[in-house]
């Protein structure tokens, strides 16, 4: 899934869209209720600013923790009891 911001007639609309294969290209589907709500019609030119949503799986292992996880767990348990 990707986030995208669509600007139309000076208005900013934030929504989420799934990238799908469309022939030999990729396409984003704008939900009809959002298009209607903001007066967007077929073949209207809009400006998109695309920001890829980070994949949480890529974050694993990226943090360098110096203490063993068991030690961290024991420290947290000690604080919870206090």
Protein backbone atom coordinates (compact mmCIF):
# COMPACT_ATOMS: atom_id res chain seq x y z
CA UNK A 1 0.00 0.00 0.00
CA UNK A 2 1.14 3.52 -0.71
CA UNK A 3 0.11 6.90 0.62
CA UNK A 4 -0.47 9.66 -1.86
CA UNK A 5 -1.49 13.28 -1.64
CA UNK A 6 -3.63 14.51 -4.48
CA UNK A 7 -3.96 18.21 -5.21
CA UNK A 8 -6.95 19.31 -7.20
CA UNK A 9 -8.10 22.91 -7.59
CA UNK A 10 -5.77 24.02 -4.79
CA UNK A 11 -7.19 21.42 -2.41
CA UNK A 12 -5.09 18.75 -0.73
CA UNK A 13 -6.58 15.28 -0.31
CA UNK A 14 -4.80 12.55 1.64
CA UNK A 15 -5.77 8.93 1.11
CA UNK A 16 -4.24 5.50 0.66
CA UNK A 17 -4.16 3.52 -2.56
CA UNK A 18 -2.92 0.14 -3.65
CA UNK A 19 -0.64 0.00 -6.68
CA UNK A 20 -2.04 -2.45 -9.24
CA UNK A 21 -0.87 -3.74 -12.59
CA UNK A 22 -2.75 -2.10 -15.44
CA UNK A 23 -1.68 -3.51 -18.81
CA UNK A 24 2.06 -2.91 -19.08
CA UNK A 25 1.92 -0.16 -16.42
CA UNK A 26 0.94 0.32 -12.81
CA UNK A 27 -2.08 2.29 -11.69
CA UNK A 28 -3.58 3.81 -8.55
CA UNK A 29 -7.32 3.59 -8.01
CA UNK A 30 -8.94 6.63 -6.42
CA UNK A 31 -12.04 5.60 -4.45
CA UNK A 32 -15.21 6.91 -6.10
CA UNK A 33 -16.57 8.47 -2.89
CA UNK A 34 -13.39 10.58 -2.50
CA UNK A 35 -13.53 11.65 -6.15
CA UNK A 36 -17.19 12.67 -5.83
CA UNK A 37 -16.64 14.47 -2.53
CA UNK A 38 -13.91 16.63 -4.06
CA UNK A 39 -15.46 17.13 -7.48
CA UNK A 40 -12.85 15.13 -9.38
CA UNK A 41 -14.08 13.89 -12.74
CA UNK A 42 -12.80 11.41 -15.30
CA UNK A 43 -9.83 12.61 -17.40
CA UNK A 44 -9.22 15.59 -15.10
CA UNK A 45 -5.53 16.35 -14.64
CA UNK A 46 -4.40 16.11 -11.00
CA UNK A 47 -0.99 16.37 -9.36
CA UNK A 48 0.25 13.45 -7.23
CA UNK A 49 2.97 13.42 -4.60
CA UNK A 50 3.76 9.78 -3.81
CA UNK A 51 5.38 8.62 -0.57
CA UNK A 52 6.02 4.91 -0.16
CA UNK A 53 4.84 3.45 3.15
CA UNK A 54 7.79 1.81 4.93
CA UNK A 55 7.72 -1.95 5.25
CA UNK A 56 7.94 -2.79 8.96
CA UNK A 57 9.88 -5.97 8.16
CA UNK A 58 12.77 -3.82 6.90
CA UNK A 59 13.10 -2.21 10.34
CA UNK A 60 13.97 -5.46 12.14
CA UNK A 61 17.66 -5.61 12.93
CA UNK A 62 18.22 -1.96 12.09
CA UNK A 63 18.54 -0.86 15.73
CA UNK A 64 21.76 -1.65 17.55
CA UNK A 65 20.95 -2.58 21.15
CA UNK A 66 23.93 -3.08 23.43
CA UNK A 67 22.13 -4.96 26.22
CA UNK A 68 20.88 -8.52 25.85
CA UNK A 69 17.09 -8.71 25.45
CA UNK A 70 16.78 -10.85 28.60
CA UNK A 71 18.46 -8.10 30.64
CA UNK A 72 16.13 -5.46 29.18
CA UNK A 73 13.11 -7.65 29.99
CA UNK A 74 14.25 -8.14 33.59
CA UNK A 75 14.82 -4.40 34.05
CA UNK A 76 11.33 -3.65 32.73
CA UNK A 77 9.74 -6.29 34.99
CA UNK A 78 11.53 -4.78 37.99
CA UNK A 79 10.14 -1.32 37.15
CA UNK A 80 6.61 -2.69 36.66
CA UNK A 81 6.65 -4.19 40.18
CA UNK A 82 7.65 -0.87 41.77
